[in-house]
Amino acid sequence: MARTNSARKADLLEAAQRAMAAHGAGVRLNQVAQHAGLTSGAVLYHYPDLQELLVDANRAGMERFYDERVRAIHGVTDPARRLVVTITSGLPIDEEDEEVRLLCALGGEAARNTVYAVLLTSLYDRQVAMYQSILESGADQGVFALAGDALTIARNLVALEDAYGYRIMAGHPTLDTRACAELILGYARLATNHPLPTEA
């Protein structure tokens, strides 16, 4: 059965993500085509502008670190559990995590590419707002006794995710995903005055 246009575009987004993870954010059309198993002309048929394809691929890759996390805590009423789930889902799976490698490549290119810089800034701001909402909700319910303002704590949590994420991707011998999650949770416990059990 022939692939639908939307299915082919979804395949191209995945191929572009793989190509950027392998070759960096400055990936070329022929490299994307190779990862897609298509000719360059076939790629351009669906995406006449390579830059548009790369931007769409980056947006799709970022979904995991915001949209999927929001869905994961939807319906969870306990602020402590919401916070633990959010923290533990914000790190690379391991040093081979392709979606995080994509974000690393994007970060390296952001200084030269305004569109990539805007995408990364938007992701950061949404992640901060996600954490801030959880923290403020927990404080309003009397579950958290915040050690500072929610915005600052939220920014620090996202910064810790980014920093430890890089250490995981670099293959640090003692900082795997579990260890890094526990380190971030350690800060969150101090910031919220809550024990935040990791099994949540």
N, C-alpha and C. Protein backbone atom coordinates (compact mmCIF):
# COMPACT_ATOMS: atom_id res chain seq x y z
N MET A 1 0.85 -1.19 0.00
CA MET A 1 0.00 0.00 0.00
C MET A 1 0.89 1.24 0.00
N ALA A 2 0.54 2.23 -0.82
CA ALA A 2 1.33 3.46 -0.90
C ALA A 2 1.21 4.27 0.38
N ARG A 3 2.29 4.94 0.72
CA ARG A 3 2.29 5.80 1.91
C ARG A 3 1.46 7.04 1.62
N THR A 4 0.68 7.49 2.60
CA THR A 4 -0.05 8.74 2.45
C THR A 4 0.94 9.89 2.55
N ASN A 5 0.49 11.06 2.09
CA ASN A 5 1.35 12.24 2.13
C ASN A 5 1.73 12.57 3.57
N SER A 6 0.78 12.48 4.49
CA SER A 6 1.08 12.81 5.89
C SER A 6 2.04 11.79 6.50
N ALA A 7 1.89 10.50 6.12
CA ALA A 7 2.80 9.47 6.63
C ALA A 7 4.20 9.68 6.08
N ARG A 8 4.29 10.06 4.81
CA ARG A 8 5.61 10.32 4.21
C ARG A 8 6.28 11.50 4.90
N LYS A 9 5.49 12.53 5.21
CA LYS A 9 6.07 13.69 5.89
C LYS A 9 6.55 13.31 7.29
N ALA A 10 5.79 12.45 7.97
CA ALA A 10 6.21 11.99 9.30
C ALA A 10 7.52 11.21 9.19
N ASP A 11 7.65 10.39 8.15
CA ASP A 11 8.90 9.66 7.92
C ASP A 11 10.06 10.62 7.69
N LEU A 12 9.78 11.69 6.93
CA LEU A 12 10.83 12.68 6.64
C LEU A 12 11.27 13.41 7.90
N LEU A 13 10.32 13.71 8.78
CA LEU A 13 10.68 14.37 10.04
C LEU A 13 11.61 13.48 10.86
N GLU A 14 11.30 12.20 10.92
CA GLU A 14 12.15 11.27 11.65
C GLU A 14 13.53 11.16 11.00
N ALA A 15 13.55 11.10 9.68
CA ALA A 15 14.82 11.02 8.96
C ALA A 15 15.66 12.27 9.19
N ALA A 16 15.00 13.43 9.18
CA ALA A 16 15.72 14.68 9.41
C ALA A 16 16.28 14.72 10.83
N GLN A 17 15.53 14.21 11.79
CA GLN A 17 16.03 14.15 13.16
C GLN A 17 17.27 13.26 13.25
N ARG A 18 17.22 12.10 12.60
CA ARG A 18 18.37 11.20 12.61
C ARG A 18 19.58 11.84 11.93
N ALA A 19 19.31 12.53 10.83
CA ALA A 19 20.40 13.17 10.09
C ALA A 19 21.04 14.28 10.91
N MET A 20 20.23 15.08 11.60
CA MET A 20 20.78 16.16 12.42
C MET A 20 21.54 15.60 13.62
N ALA A 21 21.03 14.51 14.19
CA ALA A 21 21.72 13.88 15.31
C ALA A 21 23.09 13.36 14.86
N ALA A 22 23.16 12.88 13.62
CA ALA A 22 24.41 12.30 13.11
C ALA A 22 25.37 13.36 12.58
N HIS A 23 24.84 14.42 11.94
CA HIS A 23 25.68 15.37 11.22
C HIS A 23 25.63 16.79 11.78
N GLY A 24 24.80 17.03 12.79
CA GLY A 24 24.68 18.38 13.33
C GLY A 24 23.56 19.16 12.67
N ALA A 25 23.26 20.33 13.25
CA ALA A 25 22.13 21.12 12.77
C ALA A 25 22.38 21.71 11.39
N GLY A 26 23.63 21.71 10.92
CA GLY A 26 23.93 22.20 9.58
C GLY A 26 23.86 21.11 8.53
N VAL A 27 23.06 20.11 8.78
CA VAL A 27 22.95 18.94 7.90
C VAL A 27 22.55 19.36 6.48
N ARG A 28 23.01 18.60 5.49
CA ARG A 28 22.71 18.91 4.08
C ARG A 28 21.56 18.06 3.56
N LEU A 29 20.99 18.52 2.46
CA LEU A 29 19.84 17.85 1.87
C LEU A 29 20.14 16.39 1.54
N ASN A 30 21.29 16.12 0.94
CA ASN A 30 21.60 14.74 0.55
C ASN A 30 21.74 13.82 1.76
N GLN A 31 22.14 14.37 2.91
CA GLN A 31 22.26 13.57 4.12
C GLN A 31 20.88 13.21 4.67
N VAL A 32 19.96 14.17 4.62
CA VAL A 32 18.58 13.87 5.03
C VAL A 32 17.99 12.82 4.10
N ALA A 33 18.21 12.98 2.80
CA ALA A 33 17.68 12.03 1.82
C ALA A 33 18.23 10.63 2.07
N GLN A 34 19.50 10.54 2.41
CA GLN A 34 20.10 9.23 2.67
C GLN A 34 19.45 8.56 3.86
N HIS A 35 19.20 9.32 4.92
CA HIS A 35 18.55 8.75 6.11
C HIS A 35 17.10 8.38 5.83
N ALA A 36 16.49 9.07 4.86
CA ALA A 36 15.09 8.78 4.51
C ALA A 36 14.99 7.64 3.49
N GLY A 37 16.10 7.27 2.88
CA GLY A 37 16.06 6.27 1.82
C GLY A 37 15.40 6.79 0.56
N LEU A 38 15.56 8.09 0.31
CA LEU A 38 14.94 8.73 -0.84
C LEU A 38 15.98 9.52 -1.62
N THR A 39 15.60 10.00 -2.78
CA THR A 39 16.45 10.94 -3.51
C THR A 39 16.24 12.34 -2.94
N SER A 40 17.17 13.22 -3.21
CA SER A 40 17.03 14.61 -2.77
C SER A 40 15.78 15.24 -3.38
N GLY A 41 15.51 14.88 -4.64
CA GLY A 41 14.32 15.42 -5.29
C GLY A 41 13.04 14.98 -4.62
N ALA A 42 13.00 13.74 -4.13
CA ALA A 42 11.81 13.25 -3.44
C ALA A 42 11.60 13.98 -2.11
N VAL A 43 12.69 14.30 -1.44
CA VAL A 43 12.58 15.07 -0.20
C VAL A 43 12.01 16.45 -0.50
N LEU A 44 12.54 17.08 -1.54
CA LEU A 44 12.10 18.44 -1.90
C LEU A 44 10.66 18.45 -2.40
N TYR A 45 10.16 17.33 -2.90
CA TYR A 45 8.77 17.26 -3.34
C TYR A 45 7.84 17.52 -2.15
N HIS A 46 8.19 16.95 -1.00
CA HIS A 46 7.36 17.12 0.20
C HIS A 46 7.74 18.37 0.99
N TYR A 47 9.00 18.73 0.95
CA TYR A 47 9.49 19.92 1.65
C TYR A 47 10.39 20.70 0.71
N PRO A 48 9.82 21.61 -0.10
CA PRO A 48 10.63 22.39 -1.04
C PRO A 48 11.72 23.21 -0.36
N ASP A 49 11.53 23.53 0.92
CA ASP A 49 12.51 24.31 1.68
C ASP A 49 13.11 23.41 2.76
N LEU A 50 14.40 23.08 2.61
CA LEU A 50 15.06 22.21 3.59
C LEU A 50 15.00 22.81 4.99
N GLN A 51 15.16 24.12 5.09
CA GLN A 51 15.14 24.77 6.40
C GLN A 51 13.81 24.55 7.11
N GLU A 52 12.73 24.59 6.35
CA GLU A 52 11.40 24.35 6.93
C GLU A 52 11.31 22.92 7.47
N LEU A 53 11.86 21.97 6.74
CA LEU A 53 11.87 20.58 7.20
C LEU A 53 12.65 20.45 8.50
N LEU A 54 13.81 21.09 8.57
CA LEU A 54 14.64 20.98 9.77
C LEU A 54 13.96 21.63 10.97
N VAL A 55 13.31 22.76 10.75
CA VAL A 55 12.59 23.42 11.84
C VAL A 55 11.45 22.54 12.34
N ASP A 56 10.68 21.97 11.39
CA ASP A 56 9.57 21.08 11.79
C ASP A 56 10.10 19.85 12.53
N ALA A 57 11.23 19.32 12.09
CA ALA A 57 11.83 18.15 12.74
C ALA A 57 12.25 18.49 14.17
N ASN A 58 12.79 19.68 14.35
CA ASN A 58 13.19 20.09 15.69
C ASN A 58 11.99 20.30 16.60
N ARG A 59 10.92 20.87 16.06
CA ARG A 59 9.70 21.03 16.86
C ARG A 59 9.19 19.67 17.31
N ALA A 60 9.20 18.70 16.41
CA ALA A 60 8.72 17.36 16.74
C ALA A 60 9.60 16.72 17.81
N GLY A 61 10.91 16.93 17.72
CA GLY A 61 11.80 16.38 18.72
C GLY A 61 11.62 17.00 20.09
N MET A 62 11.24 18.26 20.12
CA MET A 62 11.06 18.96 21.39
C MET A 62 9.78 18.55 22.10
N GLU A 63 8.84 17.97 21.36
CA GLU A 63 7.55 17.60 21.95
C GLU A 63 7.74 16.71 23.17
N ARG A 64 8.72 15.83 23.12
CA ARG A 64 8.96 14.91 24.24
C ARG A 64 9.22 15.64 25.54
N PHE A 65 9.90 16.77 25.46
CA PHE A 65 10.33 17.44 26.68
C PHE A 65 9.35 18.49 27.18
N TYR A 66 8.23 18.62 26.48
CA TYR A 66 7.16 19.47 27.03
C TYR A 66 5.81 18.78 26.89
N ASP A 67 5.32 18.61 25.68
CA ASP A 67 3.97 18.09 25.47
C ASP A 67 3.78 16.71 26.10
N GLU A 68 4.75 15.82 25.91
CA GLU A 68 4.60 14.47 26.47
C GLU A 68 4.64 14.49 27.99
N ARG A 69 5.41 15.40 28.56
CA ARG A 69 5.48 15.49 30.02
C ARG A 69 4.18 16.07 30.59
N VAL A 70 3.62 17.02 29.88
CA VAL A 70 2.32 17.57 30.31
C VAL A 70 1.26 16.48 30.28
N ARG A 71 1.28 15.66 29.22
CA ARG A 71 0.32 14.56 29.14
C ARG A 71 0.54 13.53 30.26
N ALA A 72 1.80 13.32 30.62
CA ALA A 72 2.12 12.31 31.65
C ALA A 72 1.57 12.69 33.02
N ILE A 73 1.46 13.98 33.30
CA ILE A 73 0.97 14.40 34.61
C ILE A 73 -0.50 14.82 34.58
N HIS A 74 -1.11 14.73 33.39
CA HIS A 74 -2.52 15.08 33.29
C HIS A 74 -3.36 14.15 34.17
N GLY A 75 -4.17 14.71 35.01
CA GLY A 75 -5.02 13.91 35.89
C GLY A 75 -4.35 13.53 37.19
N VAL A 76 -3.04 13.79 37.34
CA VAL A 76 -2.35 13.52 38.60
C VAL A 76 -2.58 14.72 39.53
N THR A 77 -3.24 14.49 40.64
CA THR A 77 -3.64 15.61 41.51
C THR A 77 -2.60 15.94 42.57
N ASP A 78 -1.79 14.98 42.97
CA ASP A 78 -0.81 15.22 44.02
C ASP A 78 0.38 16.01 43.45
N PRO A 79 0.62 17.23 43.94
CA PRO A 79 1.72 18.04 43.40
C PRO A 79 3.08 17.38 43.54
N ALA A 80 3.31 16.64 44.62
CA ALA A 80 4.60 15.98 44.81
C ALA A 80 4.82 14.93 43.73
N ARG A 81 3.80 14.16 43.44
CA ARG A 81 3.93 13.14 42.40
C ARG A 81 4.10 13.79 41.03
N ARG A 82 3.38 14.87 40.79
CA ARG A 82 3.52 15.60 39.52
C ARG A 82 4.96 16.08 39.34
N LEU A 83 5.54 16.58 40.43
CA LEU A 83 6.90 17.10 40.34
C LEU A 83 7.91 15.98 40.08
N VAL A 84 7.74 14.86 40.77
CA VAL A 84 8.67 13.74 40.59
C VAL A 84 8.59 13.19 39.16
N VAL A 85 7.39 13.00 38.66
CA VAL A 85 7.22 12.50 37.29
C VAL A 85 7.85 13.45 36.28
N THR A 86 7.66 14.74 36.50
CA THR A 86 8.21 15.73 35.58
C THR A 86 9.74 15.71 35.60
N ILE A 87 10.31 15.63 36.78
CA ILE A 87 11.78 15.61 36.89
C ILE A 87 12.35 14.35 36.25
N THR A 88 11.79 13.20 36.56
CA THR A 88 12.37 11.95 36.09
C THR A 88 12.17 11.72 34.59
N SER A 89 11.26 12.46 33.97
CA SER A 89 11.04 12.31 32.52
C SER A 89 11.77 13.38 31.72
N GLY A 90 12.59 14.19 32.37
CA GLY A 90 13.25 15.29 31.68
C GLY A 90 14.70 15.07 31.34
N LEU A 91 15.17 13.84 31.48
CA LEU A 91 16.58 13.53 31.24
C LEU A 91 16.73 12.55 30.07
N PRO A 92 17.93 12.50 29.47
CA PRO A 92 18.17 11.49 28.44
C PRO A 92 18.01 10.09 29.00
N ILE A 93 17.59 9.16 28.17
CA ILE A 93 17.49 7.76 28.58
C ILE A 93 18.89 7.21 28.86
N ASP A 94 19.83 7.56 27.97
CA ASP A 94 21.23 7.16 28.12
C ASP A 94 22.03 8.01 27.13
N GLU A 95 23.32 7.73 26.99
CA GLU A 95 24.17 8.56 26.14
C GLU A 95 23.89 8.37 24.66
N GLU A 96 23.07 7.38 24.31
CA GLU A 96 22.71 7.16 22.90
C GLU A 96 21.36 7.78 22.55
N ASP A 97 20.78 8.54 23.44
CA ASP A 97 19.45 9.11 23.25
C ASP A 97 19.46 10.07 22.05
N GLU A 98 18.82 9.65 20.96
CA GLU A 98 18.90 10.39 19.70
C GLU A 98 18.21 11.75 19.78
N GLU A 99 17.07 11.82 20.45
CA GLU A 99 16.35 13.09 20.53
C GLU A 99 17.14 14.12 21.32
N VAL A 100 17.85 13.69 22.35
CA VAL A 100 18.66 14.64 23.11
C VAL A 100 19.89 15.04 22.30
N ARG A 101 20.44 14.10 21.54
CA ARG A 101 21.57 14.45 20.67
C ARG A 101 21.13 15.52 19.67
N LEU A 102 19.90 15.41 19.21
CA LEU A 102 19.35 16.41 18.31
C LEU A 102 19.30 17.79 18.97
N LEU A 103 18.83 17.83 20.21
CA LEU A 103 18.77 19.11 20.92
C LEU A 103 20.16 19.68 21.16
N CYS A 104 21.13 18.81 21.43
CA CYS A 104 22.51 19.28 21.61
C CYS A 104 23.04 19.91 20.33
N ALA A 105 22.75 19.28 19.20
CA ALA A 105 23.17 19.83 17.92
C ALA A 105 22.49 21.17 17.66
N LEU A 106 21.24 21.24 18.01
CA LEU A 106 20.48 22.47 17.83
C LEU A 106 21.07 23.59 18.68
N GLY A 107 21.44 23.25 19.92
CA GLY A 107 22.03 24.26 20.80
C GLY A 107 23.33 24.80 20.26
N GLY A 108 24.13 23.93 19.65
CA GLY A 108 25.39 24.38 19.08
C GLY A 108 25.22 25.30 17.89
N GLU A 109 24.09 25.16 17.21
CA GLU A 109 23.83 25.96 16.01
C GLU A 109 23.04 27.24 16.32
N ALA A 110 22.48 27.33 17.53
CA ALA A 110 21.56 28.42 17.85
C ALA A 110 22.21 29.80 17.77
N ALA A 111 23.49 29.88 18.07
CA ALA A 111 24.16 31.19 18.02
C ALA A 111 24.22 31.73 16.59
N ARG A 112 24.14 30.85 15.60
CA ARG A 112 24.22 31.27 14.20
C ARG A 112 22.87 31.22 13.48
N ASN A 113 21.87 30.70 14.16
CA ASN A 113 20.58 30.51 13.50
C ASN A 113 19.47 31.02 14.41
N THR A 114 18.88 32.14 14.02
CA THR A 114 17.86 32.79 14.85
C THR A 114 16.66 31.89 15.08
N VAL A 115 16.27 31.13 14.06
CA VAL A 115 15.09 30.27 14.19
C VAL A 115 15.33 29.21 15.25
N TYR A 116 16.51 28.58 15.23
CA TYR A 116 16.83 27.57 16.23
C TYR A 116 16.89 28.18 17.62
N ALA A 117 17.44 29.39 17.71
CA ALA A 117 17.52 30.07 19.00
C ALA A 117 16.12 30.33 19.56
N VAL A 118 15.20 30.74 18.69
CA VAL A 118 13.82 30.99 19.13
C VAL A 118 13.16 29.69 19.59
N LEU A 119 13.39 28.60 18.85
CA LEU A 119 12.81 27.31 19.23
C LEU A 119 13.30 26.87 20.61
N LEU A 120 14.61 26.99 20.84
CA LEU A 120 15.16 26.57 22.13
C LEU A 120 14.69 27.47 23.26
N THR A 121 14.59 28.76 22.99
CA THR A 121 14.09 29.68 24.01
C THR A 121 12.65 29.37 24.36
N SER A 122 11.85 29.08 23.34
CA SER A 122 10.45 28.73 23.57
C SER A 122 10.33 27.46 24.40
N LEU A 123 11.14 26.45 24.08
CA LEU A 123 11.10 25.20 24.85
C LEU A 123 11.48 25.47 26.30
N TYR A 124 12.54 26.24 26.50
CA TYR A 124 12.98 26.56 27.87
C TYR A 124 11.87 27.27 28.64
N ASP A 125 11.27 28.28 28.03
CA ASP A 125 10.22 29.05 28.71
C ASP A 125 9.01 28.18 29.05
N ARG A 126 8.65 27.27 28.15
CA ARG A 126 7.51 26.39 28.43
C ARG A 126 7.83 25.41 29.54
N GLN A 127 9.06 24.90 29.57
CA GLN A 127 9.44 24.00 30.64
C GLN A 127 9.45 24.72 31.99
N VAL A 128 9.97 25.92 32.01
CA VAL A 128 9.96 26.71 33.24
C VAL A 128 8.53 26.94 33.71
N ALA A 129 7.65 27.32 32.80
CA ALA A 129 6.25 27.56 33.16
C ALA A 129 5.59 26.29 33.69
N MET A 130 5.94 25.14 33.11
CA MET A 130 5.40 23.85 33.57
C MET A 130 5.80 23.60 35.02
N TYR A 131 7.07 23.76 35.32
CA TYR A 131 7.54 23.57 36.69
C TYR A 131 6.94 24.62 37.63
N GLN A 132 6.89 25.85 37.18
CA GLN A 132 6.36 26.92 38.04
C GLN A 132 4.92 26.64 38.44
N SER A 133 4.13 26.16 37.49
CA SER A 133 2.73 25.84 37.78
C SER A 133 2.62 24.74 38.83
N ILE A 134 3.45 23.70 38.71
CA ILE A 134 3.43 22.60 39.69
C ILE A 134 3.83 23.11 41.07
N LEU A 135 4.86 23.92 41.12
CA LEU A 135 5.36 24.45 42.39
C LEU A 135 4.33 25.36 43.06
N GLU A 136 3.74 26.25 42.28
CA GLU A 136 2.74 27.17 42.84
C GLU A 136 1.50 26.43 43.31
N SER A 137 1.09 25.42 42.54
CA SER A 137 -0.07 24.62 42.94
C SER A 137 0.22 23.89 44.25
N GLY A 138 1.41 23.32 44.36
CA GLY A 138 1.78 22.63 45.59
C GLY A 138 1.84 23.56 46.79
N ALA A 139 2.35 24.77 46.57
CA ALA A 139 2.42 25.75 47.66
C ALA A 139 1.02 26.19 48.07
N ASP A 140 0.15 26.42 47.08
CA ASP A 140 -1.22 26.85 47.39
C ASP A 140 -1.98 25.78 48.18
N GLN A 141 -1.67 24.50 47.92
CA GLN A 141 -2.35 23.41 48.63
C GLN A 141 -1.70 23.09 49.97
N GLY A 142 -0.60 23.77 50.29
CA GLY A 142 0.09 23.50 51.54
C GLY A 142 0.96 22.26 51.51
N VAL A 143 1.17 21.70 50.31
CA VAL A 143 2.02 20.51 50.17
C VAL A 143 3.50 20.91 50.17
N PHE A 144 3.82 22.02 49.51
CA PHE A 144 5.18 22.52 49.45
C PHE A 144 5.31 23.77 50.31
N ALA A 145 6.46 23.92 50.94
CA ALA A 145 6.84 25.16 51.60
C ALA A 145 8.09 25.65 50.86
N LEU A 146 7.87 26.43 49.83
CA LEU A 146 8.95 26.79 48.92
C LEU A 146 10.02 27.61 49.62
N ALA A 147 11.28 27.28 49.31
CA ALA A 147 12.42 27.98 49.90
C ALA A 147 12.71 29.29 49.18
N GLY A 148 12.03 29.56 48.09
CA GLY A 148 12.20 30.79 47.33
C GLY A 148 11.01 30.97 46.42
N ASP A 149 11.10 31.91 45.49
CA ASP A 149 9.95 32.11 44.60
C ASP A 149 9.92 30.99 43.56
N ALA A 150 8.71 30.66 43.14
CA ALA A 150 8.50 29.51 42.26
C ALA A 150 9.22 29.66 40.93
N LEU A 151 9.29 30.87 40.40
CA LEU A 151 9.94 31.08 39.11
C LEU A 151 11.43 30.75 39.19
N THR A 152 12.10 31.20 40.24
CA THR A 152 13.53 30.92 40.37
C THR A 152 13.79 29.42 40.53
N ILE A 153 12.99 28.76 41.35
CA ILE A 153 13.15 27.31 41.54
C ILE A 153 12.92 26.59 40.22
N ALA A 154 11.89 27.00 39.49
CA ALA A 154 11.58 26.38 38.20
C ALA A 154 12.74 26.55 37.22
N ARG A 155 13.31 27.74 37.17
CA ARG A 155 14.45 27.99 36.27
C ARG A 155 15.64 27.11 36.66
N ASN A 156 15.87 26.97 37.95
CA ASN A 156 16.97 26.12 38.40
C ASN A 156 16.75 24.66 38.04
N LEU A 157 15.51 24.19 38.15
CA LEU A 157 15.22 22.80 37.79
C LEU A 157 15.49 22.54 36.32
N VAL A 158 15.08 23.45 35.45
CA VAL A 158 15.34 23.28 34.03
C VAL A 158 16.84 23.35 33.74
N ALA A 159 17.53 24.27 34.43
CA ALA A 159 18.98 24.38 34.24
C ALA A 159 19.69 23.10 34.67
N LEU A 160 19.24 22.50 35.76
CA LEU A 160 19.83 21.24 36.21
C LEU A 160 19.56 20.12 35.21
N GLU A 161 18.36 20.07 34.67
CA GLU A 161 18.05 19.08 33.63
C GLU A 161 19.03 19.21 32.47
N ASP A 162 19.23 20.45 32.01
CA ASP A 162 20.12 20.67 30.87
C ASP A 162 21.55 20.27 31.20
N ALA A 163 22.03 20.70 32.36
CA ALA A 163 23.42 20.44 32.73
C ALA A 163 23.68 18.94 32.91
N TYR A 164 22.82 18.28 33.64
CA TYR A 164 23.02 16.84 33.85
C TYR A 164 22.75 16.05 32.57
N GLY A 165 21.84 16.57 31.74
CA GLY A 165 21.61 15.92 30.46
C GLY A 165 22.87 15.88 29.61
N TYR A 166 23.62 16.98 29.60
CA TYR A 166 24.88 17.00 28.87
C TYR A 166 25.88 16.01 29.45
N ARG A 167 25.91 15.88 30.77
CA ARG A 167 26.85 14.93 31.40
C ARG A 167 26.50 13.50 31.00
N ILE A 168 25.20 13.20 30.96
CA ILE A 168 24.78 11.85 30.55
C ILE A 168 25.20 11.60 29.11
N MET A 169 24.95 12.58 28.23
CA MET A 169 25.27 12.40 26.81
C MET A 169 26.77 12.28 26.60
N ALA A 170 27.56 12.88 27.50
CA ALA A 170 29.02 12.79 27.39
C ALA A 170 29.56 11.49 27.96
N GLY A 171 28.67 10.66 28.50
CA GLY A 171 29.09 9.37 29.02
C GLY A 171 29.86 9.44 30.32
N HIS A 172 29.49 10.38 31.19
CA HIS A 172 30.18 10.48 32.48
C HIS A 172 30.05 9.15 33.22
N PRO A 173 31.15 8.62 33.77
CA PRO A 173 31.11 7.27 34.34
C PRO A 173 30.25 7.11 35.58
N THR A 174 29.98 8.18 36.31
CA THR A 174 29.17 8.04 37.53
C THR A 174 27.85 8.79 37.47
N LEU A 175 27.56 9.41 36.33
CA LEU A 175 26.33 10.20 36.23
C LEU A 175 25.43 9.62 35.15
N ASP A 176 24.74 8.52 35.48
CA ASP A 176 23.76 7.99 34.55
C ASP A 176 22.41 8.65 34.84
N THR A 177 21.39 8.22 34.14
CA THR A 177 20.09 8.88 34.26
C THR A 177 19.53 8.78 35.68
N ARG A 178 19.64 7.63 36.29
CA ARG A 178 19.11 7.45 37.64
C ARG A 178 19.84 8.36 38.64
N ALA A 179 21.16 8.41 38.54
CA ALA A 179 21.94 9.24 39.46
C ALA A 179 21.61 10.73 39.28
N CYS A 180 21.48 11.15 38.03
CA CYS A 180 21.19 12.56 37.76
C CYS A 180 19.78 12.93 38.23
N ALA A 181 18.82 12.04 38.03
CA ALA A 181 17.46 12.30 38.51
C ALA A 181 17.47 12.47 40.02
N GLU A 182 18.23 11.64 40.71
CA GLU A 182 18.28 11.74 42.17
C GLU A 182 18.94 13.04 42.61
N LEU A 183 19.94 13.49 41.88
CA LEU A 183 20.58 14.77 42.21
C LEU A 183 19.61 15.94 42.03
N ILE A 184 18.83 15.91 40.96
CA ILE A 184 17.85 16.98 40.75
C ILE A 184 16.75 16.90 41.81
N LEU A 185 16.32 15.69 42.12
CA LEU A 185 15.32 15.53 43.17
C LEU A 185 15.85 16.04 44.51
N GLY A 186 17.15 15.86 44.75
CA GLY A 186 17.74 16.36 45.98
C GLY A 186 17.59 17.86 46.10
N TYR A 187 17.84 18.57 44.99
CA TYR A 187 17.61 20.02 45.00
C TYR A 187 16.13 20.34 45.19
N ALA A 188 15.28 19.61 44.50
CA ALA A 188 13.84 19.86 44.59
C ALA A 188 13.32 19.64 46.01
N ARG A 189 13.86 18.65 46.70
CA ARG A 189 13.45 18.41 48.09
C ARG A 189 13.80 19.61 48.97
N LEU A 190 14.99 20.16 48.79
CA LEU A 190 15.39 21.33 49.56
C LEU A 190 14.52 22.54 49.20
N ALA A 191 14.23 22.68 47.91
CA ALA A 191 13.49 23.85 47.44
C ALA A 191 12.02 23.81 47.83
N THR A 192 11.47 22.60 48.03
CA THR A 192 10.04 22.48 48.34
C THR A 192 9.78 22.08 49.79
N ASN A 193 10.83 21.72 50.51
CA ASN A 193 10.67 21.19 51.88
C ASN A 193 9.71 20.00 51.89
N HIS A 194 9.93 19.11 50.93
CA HIS A 194 9.09 17.91 50.81
C HIS A 194 9.99 16.73 50.49
N PRO A 195 9.72 15.53 51.02
CA PRO A 195 10.61 14.38 50.78
C PRO A 195 10.60 13.84 49.36
N LEU A 196 9.57 14.09 48.56
CA LEU A 196 9.48 13.69 47.16
C LEU A 196 10.00 12.27 46.91
N PRO A 197 9.23 11.27 47.26
CA PRO A 197 9.68 9.88 47.06
C PRO A 197 9.92 9.57 45.60
N THR A 198 11.04 8.95 45.28
CA THR A 198 11.39 8.70 43.88
C THR A 198 10.48 7.67 43.23
N GLU A 199 9.85 6.80 44.01
CA GLU A 199 9.00 5.78 43.40
C GLU A 199 7.76 6.37 42.75
N ALA A 200 7.47 7.64 43.02
CA ALA A 200 6.34 8.28 42.34
C ALA A 200 6.59 8.37 40.85
